[in-house]
Amino acid sequence: MTTLVVLFDLDGTVLTFDGAPPGPGRTALERAMQELYGLARATDGLRVAGGTDRGLARALLGRAGAIADDAAIDRVIRSYLRHLAEGTIERHYRPVGDVAGAVTRLRERGAVVGIATGNVREGARIKLGSAGLHETFDLALGGFGDDAEARADIVRIGAQRCAASRPARLVVVGDTERDVHAGRAVGARVVGVASNDTARKELAAAGADAIADACDEALVDAIFA
């Protein structure tokens, strides 16, 4: 029997944040670069949405004129995670719709639910916990920014962890064109989550198979369509 695997992106798909941009993640990156390299406003003009933590760290190290080797990237990630954990104490993430309900309904209908995110695993844990979703996803099932820098590789790894040796139909749920391209690269169907017209237009232009407004019953129906 073919297994349906559904992989969720996190930022912008499952998670949003209180208040106006920049969000806690971008702020934590800024603080890490200020702390380590004295670089202020390090992410100005850098597209963070749809990126991967290690890829973003590599780009920021380049802006700082530093060698972007694994050791330097690891230092940035460690500082970032500390600032993220501190920042989410007062400024919380929150779910995009009824995330827990949508995941429950997917599982009730036989899907294996995992994550495919550019966040490193510990960053995903911090963000999901901040949003009250720490019990919604199994962090053993998915691909993360510690696994690879290319999003398509993260999706592929996530699918393998969810399906093991079983044949799988794969659906990727995301909010940016990068999610669409990564899903397409591994032969997945892609369902977008668009909280505004700009995101909807980007997803449609990239070729998303369906688009929902939030993680809700309509999203679940679109995944099974």
N, C-alpha and C. Protein backbone atom coordinates (compact mmCIF):
# COMPACT_ATOMS: atom_id res chain seq x y z
N MET A 1 0.84 -1.19 0.00
CA MET A 1 0.00 0.00 0.00
C MET A 1 0.88 1.25 0.00
N THR A 2 0.56 2.19 -0.85
CA THR A 2 1.34 3.42 -0.96
C THR A 2 1.05 4.34 0.22
N THR A 3 2.09 4.88 0.81
CA THR A 3 1.96 5.79 1.94
C THR A 3 1.96 7.22 1.46
N LEU A 4 1.02 8.02 1.96
CA LEU A 4 1.02 9.45 1.68
C LEU A 4 1.86 10.14 2.74
N VAL A 5 2.91 10.83 2.31
CA VAL A 5 3.75 11.62 3.21
C VAL A 5 3.50 13.09 2.94
N VAL A 6 3.21 13.83 4.00
CA VAL A 6 2.99 15.28 3.90
C VAL A 6 4.07 15.98 4.70
N LEU A 7 4.86 16.80 4.02
CA LEU A 7 5.96 17.52 4.66
C LEU A 7 5.63 19.00 4.73
N PHE A 8 5.65 19.54 5.93
CA PHE A 8 5.34 20.95 6.15
C PHE A 8 6.61 21.79 6.30
N ASP A 9 6.68 22.86 5.55
CA ASP A 9 7.60 23.94 5.87
C ASP A 9 7.11 24.57 7.17
N LEU A 10 7.96 25.33 7.85
CA LEU A 10 7.54 25.95 9.11
C LEU A 10 7.25 27.44 8.97
N ASP A 11 8.28 28.26 8.78
CA ASP A 11 8.09 29.71 8.79
C ASP A 11 7.19 30.18 7.66
N GLY A 12 6.12 30.88 8.01
CA GLY A 12 5.19 31.39 7.01
C GLY A 12 4.14 30.39 6.59
N THR A 13 4.38 29.11 6.88
CA THR A 13 3.45 28.04 6.52
C THR A 13 2.70 27.57 7.76
N VAL A 14 3.45 27.11 8.74
CA VAL A 14 2.90 26.65 10.02
C VAL A 14 2.97 27.76 11.07
N LEU A 15 4.00 28.61 10.95
CA LEU A 15 4.29 29.59 11.99
C LEU A 15 4.30 31.02 11.46
N THR A 16 3.72 31.92 12.24
CA THR A 16 3.92 33.34 12.06
C THR A 16 4.32 33.88 13.43
N PHE A 17 4.39 35.20 13.58
CA PHE A 17 4.87 35.74 14.85
C PHE A 17 4.07 36.98 15.24
N ASP A 18 4.14 37.28 16.53
CA ASP A 18 3.45 38.46 17.04
C ASP A 18 4.18 39.73 16.59
N GLY A 19 3.39 40.77 16.31
CA GLY A 19 3.99 42.06 15.99
C GLY A 19 4.43 42.18 14.55
N ALA A 20 5.05 43.32 14.26
CA ALA A 20 5.49 43.64 12.90
C ALA A 20 6.88 43.06 12.63
N PRO A 21 7.23 42.87 11.35
CA PRO A 21 8.58 42.42 11.02
C PRO A 21 9.62 43.44 11.52
N PRO A 22 10.86 43.02 11.76
CA PRO A 22 11.38 41.66 11.57
C PRO A 22 10.92 40.70 12.66
N GLY A 23 10.81 39.44 12.30
CA GLY A 23 10.40 38.43 13.27
C GLY A 23 11.54 38.00 14.16
N PRO A 24 11.24 37.13 15.10
CA PRO A 24 12.27 36.66 16.04
C PRO A 24 13.45 35.97 15.37
N GLY A 25 13.20 35.26 14.27
CA GLY A 25 14.29 34.56 13.60
C GLY A 25 15.27 35.52 12.96
N ARG A 26 14.78 36.49 12.20
CA ARG A 26 15.67 37.47 11.58
C ARG A 26 16.39 38.29 12.65
N THR A 27 15.66 38.66 13.71
CA THR A 27 16.27 39.42 14.79
C THR A 27 17.40 38.64 15.45
N ALA A 28 17.19 37.33 15.64
CA ALA A 28 18.24 36.50 16.24
C ALA A 28 19.47 36.42 15.34
N LEU A 29 19.27 36.34 14.04
CA LEU A 29 20.40 36.35 13.11
C LEU A 29 21.16 37.67 13.19
N GLU A 30 20.43 38.77 13.24
CA GLU A 30 21.05 40.09 13.36
C GLU A 30 21.90 40.17 14.62
N ARG A 31 21.35 39.70 15.73
CA ARG A 31 22.06 39.78 17.00
C ARG A 31 23.29 38.88 17.01
N ALA A 32 23.19 37.73 16.35
CA ALA A 32 24.34 36.84 16.27
C ALA A 32 25.49 37.49 15.50
N MET A 33 25.18 38.11 14.39
CA MET A 33 26.23 38.74 13.58
C MET A 33 26.80 39.97 14.27
N GLN A 34 25.97 40.69 15.00
CA GLN A 34 26.46 41.83 15.77
C GLN A 34 27.40 41.34 16.87
N GLU A 35 27.01 40.27 17.53
CA GLU A 35 27.81 39.73 18.63
C GLU A 35 29.15 39.19 18.15
N LEU A 36 29.13 38.44 17.06
CA LEU A 36 30.34 37.75 16.61
C LEU A 36 31.25 38.61 15.74
N TYR A 37 30.65 39.50 14.94
CA TYR A 37 31.45 40.23 13.95
C TYR A 37 31.25 41.75 14.00
N GLY A 38 30.43 42.23 14.94
CA GLY A 38 30.19 43.66 15.02
C GLY A 38 29.46 44.21 13.81
N LEU A 39 28.74 43.34 13.10
CA LEU A 39 28.04 43.74 11.87
C LEU A 39 26.60 44.09 12.19
N ALA A 40 26.25 45.37 12.06
CA ALA A 40 24.89 45.82 12.35
C ALA A 40 23.99 45.64 11.14
N ARG A 41 22.72 45.35 11.41
CA ARG A 41 21.71 45.21 10.35
C ARG A 41 22.20 44.28 9.24
N ALA A 42 22.73 43.16 9.66
CA ALA A 42 23.41 42.25 8.73
C ALA A 42 22.49 41.68 7.67
N THR A 43 21.18 41.57 7.96
CA THR A 43 20.27 40.93 7.00
C THR A 43 19.56 41.91 6.08
N ASP A 44 19.91 43.20 6.16
CA ASP A 44 19.26 44.18 5.28
C ASP A 44 19.37 43.75 3.82
N GLY A 45 18.24 43.67 3.13
CA GLY A 45 18.22 43.32 1.72
C GLY A 45 18.38 41.84 1.44
N LEU A 46 18.52 41.03 2.47
CA LEU A 46 18.68 39.59 2.29
C LEU A 46 17.33 38.91 2.43
N ARG A 47 16.96 38.11 1.45
CA ARG A 47 15.71 37.38 1.56
C ARG A 47 15.91 36.18 2.46
N VAL A 48 15.24 36.22 3.60
CA VAL A 48 15.32 35.14 4.58
C VAL A 48 14.26 34.07 4.30
N ALA A 49 13.07 34.50 3.86
CA ALA A 49 11.96 33.56 3.63
C ALA A 49 12.36 32.49 2.63
N GLY A 50 12.16 31.24 3.02
CA GLY A 50 12.48 30.12 2.14
C GLY A 50 13.95 29.73 2.15
N GLY A 51 14.77 30.45 2.94
CA GLY A 51 16.18 30.12 3.02
C GLY A 51 16.43 28.99 4.01
N THR A 52 17.68 28.61 4.13
CA THR A 52 18.07 27.60 5.11
C THR A 52 19.03 28.24 6.09
N ASP A 53 19.01 27.79 7.35
CA ASP A 53 19.83 28.42 8.37
C ASP A 53 21.30 28.44 8.00
N ARG A 54 21.80 27.32 7.55
CA ARG A 54 23.23 27.27 7.22
C ARG A 54 23.54 28.08 5.96
N GLY A 55 22.62 28.08 5.02
CA GLY A 55 22.81 28.91 3.83
C GLY A 55 22.79 30.38 4.16
N LEU A 56 21.89 30.79 5.05
CA LEU A 56 21.83 32.19 5.48
C LEU A 56 23.09 32.57 6.25
N ALA A 57 23.54 31.67 7.13
CA ALA A 57 24.78 31.94 7.87
C ALA A 57 25.95 32.11 6.92
N ARG A 58 26.01 31.28 5.89
CA ARG A 58 27.09 31.39 4.90
C ARG A 58 27.05 32.74 4.21
N ALA A 59 25.85 33.17 3.81
CA ALA A 59 25.72 34.47 3.13
C ALA A 59 26.11 35.62 4.06
N LEU A 60 25.73 35.54 5.31
CA LEU A 60 26.03 36.61 6.26
C LEU A 60 27.52 36.67 6.58
N LEU A 61 28.16 35.52 6.64
CA LEU A 61 29.61 35.51 6.83
C LEU A 61 30.32 36.19 5.66
N GLY A 62 29.80 35.99 4.46
CA GLY A 62 30.35 36.68 3.31
C GLY A 62 30.22 38.19 3.43
N ARG A 63 29.08 38.63 3.94
CA ARG A 63 28.88 40.07 4.15
C ARG A 63 29.85 40.63 5.19
N ALA A 64 30.22 39.78 6.15
CA ALA A 64 31.14 40.21 7.20
C ALA A 64 32.60 40.11 6.76
N GLY A 65 32.83 39.58 5.57
CA GLY A 65 34.20 39.40 5.09
C GLY A 65 34.92 38.27 5.79
N ALA A 66 34.16 37.32 6.35
CA ALA A 66 34.74 36.21 7.08
C ALA A 66 34.74 34.95 6.22
N ILE A 67 35.62 34.02 6.55
CA ILE A 67 35.67 32.74 5.86
C ILE A 67 34.45 31.92 6.29
N ALA A 68 33.68 31.48 5.31
CA ALA A 68 32.43 30.75 5.61
C ALA A 68 32.67 29.25 5.61
N ASP A 69 33.55 28.80 6.52
CA ASP A 69 33.77 27.36 6.63
C ASP A 69 32.78 26.78 7.64
N ASP A 70 32.79 25.46 7.79
CA ASP A 70 31.82 24.82 8.68
C ASP A 70 31.93 25.31 10.12
N ALA A 71 33.15 25.54 10.57
CA ALA A 71 33.34 25.98 11.95
C ALA A 71 32.72 27.36 12.16
N ALA A 72 32.91 28.26 11.21
CA ALA A 72 32.34 29.60 11.33
C ALA A 72 30.81 29.55 11.26
N ILE A 73 30.28 28.72 10.36
CA ILE A 73 28.83 28.58 10.25
C ILE A 73 28.27 28.03 11.55
N ASP A 74 28.94 27.05 12.13
CA ASP A 74 28.49 26.47 13.40
C ASP A 74 28.45 27.53 14.50
N ARG A 75 29.45 28.43 14.54
CA ARG A 75 29.47 29.48 15.55
C ARG A 75 28.28 30.42 15.38
N VAL A 76 27.98 30.78 14.14
CA VAL A 76 26.84 31.66 13.89
C VAL A 76 25.55 30.97 14.32
N ILE A 77 25.40 29.70 13.98
CA ILE A 77 24.18 28.97 14.33
C ILE A 77 24.02 28.87 15.85
N ARG A 78 25.10 28.59 16.56
CA ARG A 78 25.01 28.50 18.03
C ARG A 78 24.57 29.83 18.63
N SER A 79 25.16 30.93 18.17
CA SER A 79 24.77 32.24 18.68
C SER A 79 23.33 32.56 18.31
N TYR A 80 22.97 32.27 17.07
CA TYR A 80 21.60 32.48 16.61
C TYR A 80 20.59 31.74 17.47
N LEU A 81 20.87 30.47 17.78
CA LEU A 81 19.93 29.68 18.57
C LEU A 81 19.77 30.24 19.98
N ARG A 82 20.85 30.73 20.56
CA ARG A 82 20.76 31.32 21.90
C ARG A 82 19.90 32.57 21.87
N HIS A 83 20.12 33.41 20.86
CA HIS A 83 19.32 34.63 20.75
C HIS A 83 17.86 34.32 20.41
N LEU A 84 17.64 33.27 19.62
CA LEU A 84 16.27 32.88 19.29
C LEU A 84 15.53 32.41 20.53
N ALA A 85 16.17 31.58 21.32
CA ALA A 85 15.54 31.09 22.55
C ALA A 85 15.22 32.25 23.49
N GLU A 86 16.14 33.21 23.60
CA GLU A 86 15.90 34.36 24.48
C GLU A 86 14.79 35.24 23.92
N GLY A 87 14.79 35.44 22.60
CA GLY A 87 13.83 36.35 21.99
C GLY A 87 12.40 35.84 22.02
N THR A 88 12.24 34.52 21.98
CA THR A 88 10.88 33.96 21.96
C THR A 88 10.27 33.84 23.35
N ILE A 89 11.01 34.22 24.38
CA ILE A 89 10.42 34.24 25.72
C ILE A 89 9.37 35.34 25.80
N GLU A 90 9.66 36.49 25.20
CA GLU A 90 8.73 37.62 25.26
C GLU A 90 7.94 37.82 23.97
N ARG A 91 8.54 37.44 22.86
CA ARG A 91 7.86 37.62 21.57
C ARG A 91 7.62 36.25 20.95
N HIS A 92 6.37 35.85 20.94
CA HIS A 92 6.05 34.46 20.60
C HIS A 92 5.75 34.25 19.12
N TYR A 93 5.99 33.02 18.70
CA TYR A 93 5.44 32.55 17.44
C TYR A 93 4.01 32.08 17.70
N ARG A 94 3.22 32.01 16.65
CA ARG A 94 1.86 31.49 16.77
C ARG A 94 1.51 30.72 15.50
N PRO A 95 0.55 29.80 15.60
CA PRO A 95 0.20 28.97 14.45
C PRO A 95 -0.50 29.76 13.35
N VAL A 96 -0.32 29.31 12.12
CA VAL A 96 -1.06 29.86 10.97
C VAL A 96 -2.31 29.00 10.80
N GLY A 97 -3.39 29.39 11.46
CA GLY A 97 -4.61 28.60 11.42
C GLY A 97 -4.60 27.51 12.48
N ASP A 98 -5.46 26.53 12.29
CA ASP A 98 -5.58 25.41 13.23
C ASP A 98 -4.59 24.31 12.84
N VAL A 99 -3.32 24.58 13.10
CA VAL A 99 -2.27 23.66 12.67
C VAL A 99 -2.43 22.29 13.33
N ALA A 100 -2.62 22.28 14.63
CA ALA A 100 -2.75 21.00 15.34
C ALA A 100 -3.94 20.20 14.83
N GLY A 101 -5.06 20.89 14.58
CA GLY A 101 -6.24 20.19 14.05
C GLY A 101 -6.01 19.64 12.66
N ALA A 102 -5.33 20.43 11.81
CA ALA A 102 -5.06 19.97 10.45
C ALA A 102 -4.16 18.74 10.46
N VAL A 103 -3.13 18.75 11.29
CA VAL A 103 -2.23 17.61 11.37
C VAL A 103 -2.96 16.38 11.89
N THR A 104 -3.80 16.57 12.89
CA THR A 104 -4.59 15.44 13.41
C THR A 104 -5.47 14.84 12.33
N ARG A 105 -6.13 15.69 11.56
CA ARG A 105 -7.02 15.18 10.50
C ARG A 105 -6.23 14.46 9.42
N LEU A 106 -5.06 14.95 9.08
CA LEU A 106 -4.22 14.26 8.10
C LEU A 106 -3.86 12.86 8.59
N ARG A 107 -3.47 12.76 9.85
CA ARG A 107 -3.11 11.45 10.39
C ARG A 107 -4.31 10.52 10.46
N GLU A 108 -5.47 11.07 10.80
CA GLU A 108 -6.68 10.25 10.85
C GLU A 108 -7.02 9.68 9.48
N ARG A 109 -6.61 10.38 8.44
CA ARG A 109 -6.89 9.92 7.08
C ARG A 109 -5.72 9.10 6.51
N GLY A 110 -4.77 8.74 7.37
CA GLY A 110 -3.73 7.82 6.97
C GLY A 110 -2.41 8.40 6.52
N ALA A 111 -2.27 9.72 6.56
CA ALA A 111 -1.03 10.34 6.12
C ALA A 111 0.04 10.27 7.19
N VAL A 112 1.29 10.18 6.76
CA VAL A 112 2.44 10.35 7.64
C VAL A 112 2.86 11.81 7.53
N VAL A 113 2.89 12.51 8.65
CA VAL A 113 3.17 13.95 8.65
C VAL A 113 4.57 14.22 9.17
N GLY A 114 5.32 14.99 8.40
CA GLY A 114 6.67 15.37 8.80
C GLY A 114 6.94 16.83 8.49
N ILE A 115 8.19 17.20 8.61
CA ILE A 115 8.64 18.57 8.43
C ILE A 115 9.71 18.61 7.35
N ALA A 116 9.71 19.67 6.55
CA ALA A 116 10.80 19.96 5.63
C ALA A 116 11.08 21.45 5.74
N THR A 117 12.09 21.81 6.49
CA THR A 117 12.34 23.21 6.82
C THR A 117 13.82 23.54 6.74
N GLY A 118 14.10 24.77 6.42
CA GLY A 118 15.47 25.24 6.44
C GLY A 118 16.00 25.50 7.83
N ASN A 119 15.11 25.50 8.82
CA ASN A 119 15.55 25.64 10.21
C ASN A 119 16.39 24.43 10.63
N VAL A 120 17.44 24.67 11.39
CA VAL A 120 18.10 23.53 12.02
C VAL A 120 17.11 22.94 13.02
N ARG A 121 17.32 21.69 13.39
CA ARG A 121 16.34 20.98 14.21
C ARG A 121 16.07 21.70 15.54
N GLU A 122 17.12 22.22 16.19
CA GLU A 122 16.93 22.90 17.47
C GLU A 122 16.15 24.20 17.28
N GLY A 123 16.38 24.89 16.17
CA GLY A 123 15.61 26.09 15.89
C GLY A 123 14.15 25.78 15.67
N ALA A 124 13.88 24.67 14.96
CA ALA A 124 12.50 24.24 14.77
C ALA A 124 11.84 23.93 16.10
N ARG A 125 12.58 23.26 16.99
CA ARG A 125 12.03 22.92 18.31
C ARG A 125 11.68 24.18 19.09
N ILE A 126 12.56 25.17 19.06
CA ILE A 126 12.31 26.42 19.78
C ILE A 126 11.09 27.13 19.23
N LYS A 127 11.00 27.23 17.92
CA LYS A 127 9.88 27.96 17.31
C LYS A 127 8.55 27.24 17.54
N LEU A 128 8.53 25.93 17.35
CA LEU A 128 7.29 25.18 17.56
C LEU A 128 6.86 25.25 19.02
N GLY A 129 7.81 25.18 19.93
CA GLY A 129 7.49 25.29 21.34
C GLY A 129 6.91 26.65 21.68
N SER A 130 7.47 27.70 21.09
CA SER A 130 6.97 29.05 21.33
C SER A 130 5.52 29.19 20.89
N ALA A 131 5.14 28.48 19.82
CA ALA A 131 3.78 28.56 19.28
C ALA A 131 2.83 27.56 19.93
N GLY A 132 3.31 26.80 20.91
CA GLY A 132 2.47 25.80 21.55
C GLY A 132 2.25 24.57 20.70
N LEU A 133 3.17 24.30 19.76
CA LEU A 133 3.02 23.17 18.85
C LEU A 133 4.08 22.10 19.09
N HIS A 134 4.64 22.07 20.29
CA HIS A 134 5.73 21.15 20.56
C HIS A 134 5.30 19.69 20.50
N GLU A 135 4.00 19.42 20.68
CA GLU A 135 3.53 18.04 20.60
C GLU A 135 2.86 17.71 19.26
N THR A 136 2.79 18.68 18.37
CA THR A 136 2.08 18.48 17.11
C THR A 136 2.91 17.73 16.09
N PHE A 137 4.19 18.00 16.03
CA PHE A 137 5.08 17.36 15.06
C PHE A 137 6.12 16.50 15.77
N ASP A 138 6.46 15.39 15.14
CA ASP A 138 7.53 14.52 15.61
C ASP A 138 8.82 14.96 14.92
N LEU A 139 9.76 15.51 15.68
CA LEU A 139 10.97 16.04 15.06
C LEU A 139 11.91 14.96 14.55
N ALA A 140 11.57 13.70 14.78
CA ALA A 140 12.33 12.61 14.17
C ALA A 140 11.91 12.39 12.72
N LEU A 141 10.76 12.93 12.35
CA LEU A 141 10.22 12.75 11.00
C LEU A 141 10.36 14.05 10.22
N GLY A 142 11.41 14.13 9.44
CA GLY A 142 11.54 15.32 8.63
C GLY A 142 12.96 15.60 8.22
N GLY A 143 13.10 16.66 7.43
CA GLY A 143 14.39 17.15 6.99
C GLY A 143 14.58 18.56 7.53
N PHE A 144 15.81 18.88 7.93
CA PHE A 144 16.10 20.14 8.60
C PHE A 144 17.34 20.80 8.02
N GLY A 145 17.55 22.03 8.44
CA GLY A 145 18.70 22.78 7.95
C GLY A 145 20.03 22.23 8.37
N ASP A 146 20.04 21.34 9.39
CA ASP A 146 21.31 20.67 9.73
C ASP A 146 21.66 19.59 8.72
N ASP A 147 20.66 19.11 7.99
CA ASP A 147 20.86 17.99 7.08
C ASP A 147 21.47 18.41 5.75
N ALA A 148 21.12 19.59 5.27
CA ALA A 148 21.58 20.04 3.96
C ALA A 148 21.30 21.52 3.83
N GLU A 149 21.94 22.16 2.87
CA GLU A 149 21.66 23.57 2.60
C GLU A 149 20.65 23.73 1.47
N ALA A 150 20.62 22.81 0.54
CA ALA A 150 19.67 22.89 -0.57
C ALA A 150 18.31 22.38 -0.11
N ARG A 151 17.26 23.13 -0.38
CA ARG A 151 15.93 22.77 0.10
C ARG A 151 15.45 21.45 -0.51
N ALA A 152 15.80 21.19 -1.77
CA ALA A 152 15.37 19.93 -2.38
C ALA A 152 15.96 18.74 -1.64
N ASP A 153 17.21 18.88 -1.19
CA ASP A 153 17.84 17.79 -0.44
C ASP A 153 17.16 17.62 0.92
N ILE A 154 16.75 18.73 1.53
CA ILE A 154 16.04 18.66 2.81
C ILE A 154 14.72 17.92 2.64
N VAL A 155 14.00 18.23 1.56
CA VAL A 155 12.73 17.55 1.29
C VAL A 155 12.97 16.06 1.05
N ARG A 156 13.98 15.74 0.30
CA ARG A 156 14.28 14.33 -0.01
C ARG A 156 14.60 13.56 1.28
N ILE A 157 15.41 14.14 2.13
CA ILE A 157 15.76 13.49 3.39
C ILE A 157 14.53 13.34 4.28
N GLY A 158 13.70 14.38 4.32
CA GLY A 158 12.48 14.31 5.12
C GLY A 158 11.55 13.21 4.65
N ALA A 159 11.41 13.07 3.35
CA ALA A 159 10.55 12.02 2.80
C ALA A 159 11.09 10.64 3.13
N GLN A 160 12.40 10.47 3.05
CA GLN A 160 13.00 9.17 3.37
C GLN A 160 12.77 8.81 4.83
N ARG A 161 12.90 9.77 5.72
CA ARG A 161 12.70 9.50 7.15
C ARG A 161 11.24 9.16 7.46
N CYS A 162 10.34 9.73 6.70
CA CYS A 162 8.91 9.47 6.94
C CYS A 162 8.45 8.15 6.34
N ALA A 163 8.98 7.80 5.20
CA ALA A 163 8.47 6.64 4.47
C ALA A 163 9.29 5.39 4.64
N ALA A 164 10.52 5.55 5.16
CA ALA A 164 11.44 4.41 5.28
C ALA A 164 11.54 3.72 3.91
N SER A 165 11.26 2.42 3.85
CA SER A 165 11.40 1.70 2.59
C SER A 165 10.08 1.59 1.84
N ARG A 166 9.02 2.19 2.39
CA ARG A 166 7.72 2.05 1.75
C ARG A 166 7.57 3.04 0.59
N PRO A 167 6.94 2.63 -0.51
CA PRO A 167 6.65 3.58 -1.58
C PRO A 167 5.78 4.70 -1.03
N ALA A 168 5.99 5.93 -1.49
CA ALA A 168 5.26 7.05 -0.92
C ALA A 168 4.79 8.02 -1.99
N ARG A 169 3.60 8.54 -1.78
CA ARG A 169 3.16 9.73 -2.49
C ARG A 169 3.54 10.91 -1.61
N LEU A 170 4.14 11.91 -2.20
CA LEU A 170 4.69 13.01 -1.41
C LEU A 170 3.99 14.32 -1.73
N VAL A 171 3.59 15.03 -0.67
CA VAL A 171 3.04 16.37 -0.79
C VAL A 171 3.88 17.30 0.08
N VAL A 172 4.32 18.40 -0.50
CA VAL A 172 5.05 19.43 0.23
C VAL A 172 4.11 20.61 0.45
N VAL A 173 4.06 21.11 1.67
CA VAL A 173 3.24 22.26 2.00
C VAL A 173 4.16 23.41 2.36
N GLY A 174 4.06 24.52 1.62
CA GLY A 174 4.96 25.64 1.87
C GLY A 174 4.37 26.96 1.45
N ASP A 175 5.10 28.04 1.71
CA ASP A 175 4.56 29.38 1.46
C ASP A 175 5.36 30.20 0.46
N THR A 176 6.46 29.66 -0.09
CA THR A 176 7.26 30.43 -1.03
C THR A 176 7.54 29.63 -2.30
N GLU A 177 8.02 30.33 -3.30
CA GLU A 177 8.38 29.66 -4.55
C GLU A 177 9.51 28.66 -4.32
N ARG A 178 10.33 28.90 -3.32
CA ARG A 178 11.41 27.96 -3.02
C ARG A 178 10.87 26.61 -2.58
N ASP A 179 9.75 26.63 -1.85
CA ASP A 179 9.11 25.37 -1.46
C ASP A 179 8.57 24.64 -2.69
N VAL A 180 7.99 25.41 -3.61
CA VAL A 180 7.46 24.80 -4.84
C VAL A 180 8.58 24.16 -5.64
N HIS A 181 9.66 24.90 -5.84
CA HIS A 181 10.78 24.38 -6.63
C HIS A 181 11.40 23.15 -5.97
N ALA A 182 11.54 23.18 -4.64
CA ALA A 182 12.12 22.03 -3.94
C ALA A 182 11.22 20.81 -4.07
N GLY A 183 9.91 21.01 -3.94
CA GLY A 183 8.98 19.90 -4.09
C GLY A 183 9.03 19.32 -5.49
N ARG A 184 9.02 20.19 -6.47
CA ARG A 184 9.07 19.73 -7.86
C ARG A 184 10.35 18.94 -8.14
N ALA A 185 11.46 19.36 -7.54
CA ALA A 185 12.74 18.70 -7.80
C ALA A 185 12.74 17.25 -7.35
N VAL A 186 11.86 16.90 -6.40
CA VAL A 186 11.80 15.51 -5.93
C VAL A 186 10.50 14.83 -6.33
N GLY A 187 9.77 15.43 -7.26
CA GLY A 187 8.56 14.81 -7.78
C GLY A 187 7.36 14.90 -6.88
N ALA A 188 7.32 15.89 -6.00
CA ALA A 188 6.21 16.02 -5.06
C ALA A 188 5.11 16.91 -5.62
N ARG A 189 3.90 16.68 -5.15
CA ARG A 189 2.81 17.63 -5.33
C ARG A 189 3.01 18.73 -4.30
N VAL A 190 2.68 19.97 -4.66
CA VAL A 190 2.92 21.10 -3.76
C VAL A 190 1.63 21.86 -3.50
N VAL A 191 1.30 22.01 -2.21
CA VAL A 191 0.16 22.80 -1.80
C VAL A 191 0.68 24.01 -1.03
N GLY A 192 0.30 25.20 -1.49
CA GLY A 192 0.78 26.42 -0.87
C GLY A 192 -0.11 26.91 0.25
N VAL A 193 0.49 27.63 1.17
CA VAL A 193 -0.24 28.36 2.20
C VAL A 193 0.08 29.83 2.01
N ALA A 194 -0.94 30.63 1.72
CA ALA A 194 -0.73 32.04 1.42
C ALA A 194 -1.57 32.90 2.35
N SER A 195 -0.89 33.67 3.19
CA SER A 195 -1.60 34.53 4.13
C SER A 195 -1.90 35.90 3.56
N ASN A 196 -1.40 36.19 2.35
CA ASN A 196 -1.66 37.48 1.71
C ASN A 196 -1.60 37.32 0.20
N ASP A 197 -2.01 38.37 -0.51
CA ASP A 197 -2.07 38.31 -1.98
C ASP A 197 -0.69 38.14 -2.61
N THR A 198 0.32 38.76 -2.01
CA THR A 198 1.67 38.66 -2.56
C THR A 198 2.15 37.21 -2.55
N ALA A 199 1.94 36.55 -1.42
CA ALA A 199 2.35 35.14 -1.31
C ALA A 199 1.55 34.27 -2.27
N ARG A 200 0.26 34.56 -2.40
CA ARG A 200 -0.58 33.78 -3.30
C ARG A 200 -0.10 33.91 -4.75
N LYS A 201 0.23 35.12 -5.15
CA LYS A 201 0.70 35.34 -6.52
C LYS A 201 2.03 34.65 -6.75
N GLU A 202 2.93 34.69 -5.77
CA GLU A 202 4.23 34.03 -5.91
C GLU A 202 4.05 32.52 -6.06
N LEU A 203 3.20 31.95 -5.22
CA LEU A 203 2.97 30.51 -5.28
C LEU A 203 2.32 30.10 -6.59
N ALA A 204 1.35 30.89 -7.03
CA ALA A 204 0.67 30.57 -8.29
C ALA A 204 1.65 30.65 -9.46
N ALA A 205 2.48 31.68 -9.47
CA ALA A 205 3.45 31.85 -10.56
C ALA A 205 4.48 30.72 -10.57
N ALA A 206 4.79 30.20 -9.39
CA ALA A 206 5.76 29.10 -9.30
C ALA A 206 5.15 27.76 -9.68
N GLY A 207 3.82 27.69 -9.74
CA GLY A 207 3.17 26.46 -10.17
C GLY A 207 2.65 25.56 -9.07
N ALA A 208 2.31 26.15 -7.91
CA ALA A 208 1.73 25.33 -6.84
C ALA A 208 0.46 24.64 -7.35
N ASP A 209 0.24 23.41 -6.94
CA ASP A 209 -0.92 22.65 -7.41
C ASP A 209 -2.22 23.15 -6.80
N ALA A 210 -2.15 23.67 -5.59
CA ALA A 210 -3.32 24.23 -4.91
C ALA A 210 -2.80 25.21 -3.87
N ILE A 211 -3.66 26.15 -3.46
CA ILE A 211 -3.26 27.16 -2.48
C ILE A 211 -4.38 27.33 -1.46
N ALA A 212 -4.03 27.27 -0.18
CA ALA A 212 -4.98 27.52 0.90
C ALA A 212 -4.56 28.77 1.65
N ASP A 213 -5.49 29.33 2.42
CA ASP A 213 -5.21 30.55 3.16
C ASP A 213 -4.49 30.29 4.47
N ALA A 214 -4.63 29.09 5.01
CA ALA A 214 -4.06 28.76 6.31
C ALA A 214 -4.01 27.24 6.46
N CYS A 215 -3.46 26.79 7.55
CA CYS A 215 -3.46 25.36 7.86
C CYS A 215 -4.80 25.01 8.50
N ASP A 216 -5.74 24.59 7.68
CA ASP A 216 -7.10 24.36 8.14
C ASP A 216 -7.73 23.22 7.35
N GLU A 217 -9.04 23.07 7.47
CA GLU A 217 -9.73 21.99 6.77
C GLU A 217 -9.59 22.10 5.26
N ALA A 218 -9.58 23.35 4.76
CA ALA A 218 -9.41 23.54 3.31
C ALA A 218 -8.05 23.04 2.84
N LEU A 219 -7.04 23.22 3.66
CA LEU A 219 -5.70 22.72 3.32
C LEU A 219 -5.73 21.19 3.27
N VAL A 220 -6.33 20.58 4.27
CA VAL A 220 -6.41 19.11 4.30
C VAL A 220 -7.12 18.59 3.05
N ASP A 221 -8.21 19.23 2.68
CA ASP A 221 -8.94 18.81 1.48
C ASP A 221 -8.08 18.97 0.24
N ALA A 222 -7.30 20.06 0.16
CA ALA A 222 -6.45 20.29 -0.99
C ALA A 222 -5.33 19.24 -1.09
N ILE A 223 -4.84 18.81 0.07
CA ILE A 223 -3.79 17.78 0.07
C ILE A 223 -4.31 16.47 -0.47
N PHE A 224 -5.56 16.15 -0.18
CA PHE A 224 -6.14 14.88 -0.63
C PHE A 224 -6.85 15.00 -1.97
N ALA A 225 -6.88 16.18 -2.54
CA ALA A 225 -7.61 16.38 -3.82
C ALA A 225 -6.97 15.58 -4.94
